[in-house]
Amino acid sequence: MRALIAAATGLAVALALVLTVTALGSPTGSTSPKPLLTTVPAHP
């Protein structure tokens, strides 16, 4: 019985965390408009 209660508690906590993140929304920000500078080996 304890295992069932522990599973239900974990599920409730996980669901509450998901709902909290969903309510807050994604953080405001943007990606850099500049592409990452990478070095590419020269093709023969």
N, C-alpha and C. Protein backbone atom coordinates (compact mmCIF):
# COMPACT_ATOMS: atom_id res chain seq x y z
N MET A 1 0.83 -1.20 0.00
CA MET A 1 0.00 0.00 0.00
C MET A 1 0.87 1.26 0.00
N ARG A 2 2.01 1.19 0.72
CA ARG A 2 2.89 2.35 0.74
C ARG A 2 3.43 2.68 -0.64
N ALA A 3 3.71 1.65 -1.42
CA ALA A 3 4.23 1.87 -2.77
C ALA A 3 3.20 2.60 -3.63
N LEU A 4 1.95 2.24 -3.48
CA LEU A 4 0.89 2.89 -4.25
C LEU A 4 0.75 4.36 -3.86
N ILE A 5 0.85 4.64 -2.58
CA ILE A 5 0.77 6.02 -2.10
C ILE A 5 1.97 6.82 -2.60
N ALA A 6 3.15 6.21 -2.56
CA ALA A 6 4.35 6.89 -3.04
C ALA A 6 4.26 7.17 -4.54
N ALA A 7 3.74 6.23 -5.30
CA ALA A 7 3.59 6.43 -6.74
C ALA A 7 2.59 7.54 -7.03
N ALA A 8 1.49 7.57 -6.31
CA ALA A 8 0.48 8.60 -6.52
C ALA A 8 1.02 9.98 -6.14
N THR A 9 1.81 10.02 -5.05
CA THR A 9 2.40 11.29 -4.63
C THR A 9 3.39 11.79 -5.68
N GLY A 10 4.23 10.90 -6.18
CA GLY A 10 5.20 11.29 -7.21
C GLY A 10 4.52 11.78 -8.47
N LEU A 11 3.45 11.10 -8.85
CA LEU A 11 2.71 11.52 -10.04
C LEU A 11 2.08 12.89 -9.84
N ALA A 12 1.55 13.14 -8.65
CA ALA A 12 0.94 14.44 -8.37
C ALA A 12 1.98 15.55 -8.39
N VAL A 13 3.15 15.28 -7.83
CA VAL A 13 4.21 16.29 -7.83
C VAL A 13 4.68 16.57 -9.25
N ALA A 14 4.84 15.53 -10.04
CA ALA A 14 5.28 15.71 -11.43
C ALA A 14 4.24 16.51 -12.21
N LEU A 15 2.98 16.20 -12.01
CA LEU A 15 1.92 16.92 -12.71
C LEU A 15 1.88 18.39 -12.29
N ALA A 16 2.07 18.65 -11.00
CA ALA A 16 2.08 20.03 -10.51
C ALA A 16 3.26 20.79 -11.11
N LEU A 17 4.41 20.12 -11.24
CA LEU A 17 5.58 20.78 -11.82
C LEU A 17 5.34 21.13 -13.28
N VAL A 18 4.74 20.20 -14.01
CA VAL A 18 4.43 20.46 -15.43
C VAL A 18 3.45 21.62 -15.56
N LEU A 19 2.42 21.64 -14.73
CA LEU A 19 1.44 22.72 -14.80
C LEU A 19 2.06 24.06 -14.43
N THR A 20 2.98 24.05 -13.47
CA THR A 20 3.64 25.29 -13.08
C THR A 20 4.49 25.84 -14.21
N VAL A 21 5.27 24.96 -14.84
CA VAL A 21 6.11 25.41 -15.96
C VAL A 21 5.24 25.90 -17.12
N THR A 22 4.15 25.22 -17.36
CA THR A 22 3.24 25.63 -18.44
C THR A 22 2.61 26.99 -18.14
N ALA A 23 2.25 27.22 -16.89
CA ALA A 23 1.62 28.49 -16.52
C ALA A 23 2.61 29.64 -16.63
N LEU A 24 3.86 29.39 -16.24
CA LEU A 24 4.87 30.45 -16.31
C LEU A 24 5.27 30.74 -17.74
N GLY A 25 5.21 29.76 -18.58
CA GLY A 25 5.58 29.95 -19.98
C GLY A 25 7.09 29.89 -20.14
N SER A 26 7.51 29.92 -21.38
CA SER A 26 8.94 29.87 -21.64
C SER A 26 9.57 31.22 -21.31
N PRO A 27 10.80 31.24 -20.88
CA PRO A 27 11.44 32.52 -20.54
C PRO A 27 11.58 33.40 -21.78
N THR A 28 11.41 34.68 -21.57
CA THR A 28 11.52 35.60 -22.69
C THR A 28 12.98 35.75 -23.07
N GLY A 29 13.25 35.56 -24.31
CA GLY A 29 14.62 35.66 -24.80
C GLY A 29 14.61 35.34 -26.27
N SER A 30 15.74 35.53 -26.86
CA SER A 30 15.83 35.22 -28.28
C SER A 30 17.18 34.61 -28.57
N THR A 31 17.23 33.91 -29.66
CA THR A 31 18.50 33.32 -30.05
C THR A 31 19.33 34.38 -30.74
N SER A 32 20.60 34.16 -30.75
CA SER A 32 21.51 35.12 -31.36
C SER A 32 21.29 35.14 -32.87
N PRO A 33 21.17 36.32 -33.46
CA PRO A 33 20.99 36.37 -34.91
C PRO A 33 22.25 35.97 -35.67
N LYS A 34 23.41 36.09 -35.02
CA LYS A 34 24.66 35.75 -35.68
C LYS A 34 24.88 34.24 -35.60
N PRO A 35 25.25 33.63 -36.70
CA PRO A 35 25.54 32.19 -36.65
C PRO A 35 26.85 31.94 -35.90
N LEU A 36 26.97 30.75 -35.38
CA LEU A 36 28.21 30.40 -34.68
C LEU A 36 29.34 30.32 -35.70
N LEU A 37 30.45 30.89 -35.33
CA LEU A 37 31.60 30.85 -36.22
C LEU A 37 32.32 29.52 -36.03
N THR A 38 32.29 28.73 -37.06
CA THR A 38 32.97 27.44 -36.99
C THR A 38 33.98 27.34 -38.12
N THR A 39 35.02 26.60 -37.87
CA THR A 39 36.03 26.43 -38.91
C THR A 39 35.74 25.14 -39.66
N VAL A 40 35.68 25.24 -40.96
CA VAL A 40 35.41 24.09 -41.79
C VAL A 40 36.68 23.78 -42.57
N PRO A 41 37.11 22.54 -42.59
CA PRO A 41 38.31 22.22 -43.36
C PRO A 41 38.11 22.50 -44.84
N ALA A 42 39.14 22.98 -45.47
CA ALA A 42 39.05 23.34 -46.89
C ALA A 42 38.88 22.08 -47.73
N HIS A 43 37.98 22.16 -48.68
CA HIS A 43 37.75 21.02 -49.57
C HIS A 43 38.78 21.03 -50.68
N PRO A 44 39.31 19.90 -51.03
CA PRO A 44 40.32 19.85 -52.10
C PRO A 44 39.69 20.11 -53.47
